[in-house]
Amino acid sequence: MQCTAVDRYHFNADGLMYEGETLFDLLDATQSAGVLPSDDSWLFRALMGASRLHRVFQDARRALRLG
């Protein structure tokens, strides 16, 4: 899912910006916020691999003419 780019800025206690970033999509935003693991982690790769299972089962069902 693509979302509109969002600029996010981080400020220190003095109100000075010490980091700025542009988030381009929902996945990037949730990873930056710590909701999802980074894309180089084993957990992220496992989650993305699990998302392919539906397609594998669907293809097998069609090949076996079960649906």
C-alpha atoms as a PDB file:
ATOM      1  CA  MET A   1       0.000   0.000   0.000  1.00  0.00           C
ATOM      2  CA  GLN A   2       1.442   3.347  -0.985  1.00  0.00           C
ATOM      3  CA  CYS A   3       0.735   6.389   1.124  1.00  0.00           C
ATOM      4  CA  THR A   4       1.558  10.031   0.687  1.00  0.00           C
ATOM      5  CA  ALA A   5       5.110  10.880   1.756  1.00  0.00           C
ATOM      6  CA  VAL A   6       5.260  12.272   5.284  1.00  0.00           C
ATOM      7  CA  ASP A   7       8.131  14.303   6.691  1.00  0.00           C
ATOM      8  CA  ARG A   8       8.931  13.531  10.309  1.00  0.00           C
ATOM      9  CA  TYR A   9      11.255  15.648  12.424  1.00  0.00           C
ATOM     10  CA  HIS A  10      12.893  14.896  15.766  1.00  0.00           C
ATOM     11  CA  PHE A  11      13.746  17.691  18.207  1.00  0.00           C
ATOM     12  CA  ASN A  12      15.920  17.742  21.314  1.00  0.00           C
ATOM     13  CA  ALA A  13      14.995  19.275  24.685  1.00  0.00           C
ATOM     14  CA  ASP A  14      16.160  22.700  23.443  1.00  0.00           C
ATOM     15  CA  GLY A  15      13.722  22.555  20.562  1.00  0.00           C
ATOM     16  CA  LEU A  16      16.436  22.071  17.958  1.00  0.00           C
ATOM     17  CA  MET A  17      15.951  19.560  15.181  1.00  0.00           C
ATOM     18  CA  TYR A  18      18.516  16.771  15.344  1.00  0.00           C
ATOM     19  CA  GLU A  19      17.027  14.404  12.752  1.00  0.00           C
ATOM     20  CA  GLY A  20      14.580  14.568   9.881  1.00  0.00           C
ATOM     21  CA  GLU A  21      13.233  11.774   7.741  1.00  0.00           C
ATOM     22  CA  THR A  22      10.716  11.205   5.001  1.00  0.00           C
ATOM     23  CA  LEU A  23       8.404   8.224   5.314  1.00  0.00           C
ATOM     24  CA  PHE A  24       7.115   6.959   1.988  1.00  0.00           C
ATOM     25  CA  ASP A  25       4.708   4.181   2.831  1.00  0.00           C
ATOM     26  CA  LEU A  26       2.857   2.434   5.615  1.00  0.00           C
ATOM     27  CA  LEU A  27       5.537  -0.243   5.976  1.00  0.00           C
ATOM     28  CA  ASP A  28       8.319   2.313   6.321  1.00  0.00           C
ATOM     29  CA  ALA A  29       6.293   4.294   8.847  1.00  0.00           C
ATOM     30  CA  THR A  30       5.511   1.279  11.032  1.00  0.00           C
ATOM     31  CA  GLN A  31       9.131   0.112  10.942  1.00  0.00           C
ATOM     32  CA  SER A  32      10.427   3.565  11.901  1.00  0.00           C
ATOM     33  CA  ALA A  33       7.939   3.724  14.775  1.00  0.00           C
ATOM     34  CA  GLY A  34       9.051   0.296  16.020  1.00  0.00           C
ATOM     35  CA  VAL A  35       5.681  -1.358  15.379  1.00  0.00           C
ATOM     36  CA  LEU A  36       7.180  -3.756  12.822  1.00  0.00           C
ATOM     37  CA  PRO A  37      10.722  -5.143  12.845  1.00  0.00           C
ATOM     38  CA  SER A  38      13.307  -3.788  10.393  1.00  0.00           C
ATOM     39  CA  ASP A  39      13.417  -5.399   6.969  1.00  0.00           C
ATOM     40  CA  ASP A  40      16.799  -7.054   7.616  1.00  0.00           C
ATOM     41  CA  SER A  41      15.566  -8.987  10.677  1.00  0.00           C
ATOM     42  CA  TRP A  42      14.709 -12.691  10.669  1.00  0.00           C
ATOM     43  CA  LEU A  43      11.252 -11.919  12.078  1.00  0.00           C
ATOM     44  CA  PHE A  44      10.376  -9.589   9.210  1.00  0.00           C
ATOM     45  CA  ARG A  45      11.552 -12.123   6.635  1.00  0.00           C
ATOM     46  CA  ALA A  46       9.469 -14.813   8.384  1.00  0.00           C
ATOM     47  CA  LEU A  47       6.365 -12.594   8.353  1.00  0.00           C
ATOM     48  CA  MET A  48       6.805 -11.802   4.662  1.00  0.00           C
ATOM     49  CA  GLY A  49       7.391 -15.496   3.895  1.00  0.00           C
ATOM     50  CA  ALA A  50       4.225 -16.453   5.757  1.00  0.00           C
ATOM     51  CA  SER A  51       2.250 -13.986   3.661  1.00  0.00           C
ATOM     52  CA  ARG A  52       3.089 -16.090   0.585  1.00  0.00           C
ATOM     53  CA  LEU A  53       1.497 -19.244   1.990  1.00  0.00           C
ATOM     54  CA  HIS A  54      -1.985 -18.294   0.841  1.00  0.00           C
ATOM     55  CA  ARG A  55      -0.800 -18.154  -2.764  1.00  0.00           C
ATOM     56  CA  VAL A  56       0.976 -21.522  -2.462  1.00  0.00           C
ATOM     57  CA  PHE A  57      -2.199 -23.183  -1.169  1.00  0.00           C
ATOM     58  CA  GLN A  58      -4.304 -21.468  -3.807  1.00  0.00           C
ATOM     59  CA  ASP A  59      -2.007 -22.680  -6.608  1.00  0.00           C
ATOM     60  CA  ALA A  60      -1.992 -26.229  -5.200  1.00  0.00           C
ATOM     61  CA  ARG A  61      -5.783 -26.250  -4.981  1.00  0.00           C
ATOM     62  CA  ARG A  62      -6.074 -25.158  -8.597  1.00  0.00           C
ATOM     63  CA  ALA A  63      -3.512 -27.728  -9.729  1.00  0.00           C
ATOM     64  CA  LEU A  64      -5.439 -30.483  -7.956  1.00  0.00           C
ATOM     65  CA  ARG A  65      -8.738 -29.035  -9.250  1.00  0.00           C
ATOM     66  CA  LEU A  66     -10.187 -28.779  -5.744  1.00  0.00           C
ATOM     67  CA  GLY A  67     -11.728 -25.386  -6.225  1.00  0.00           C
END
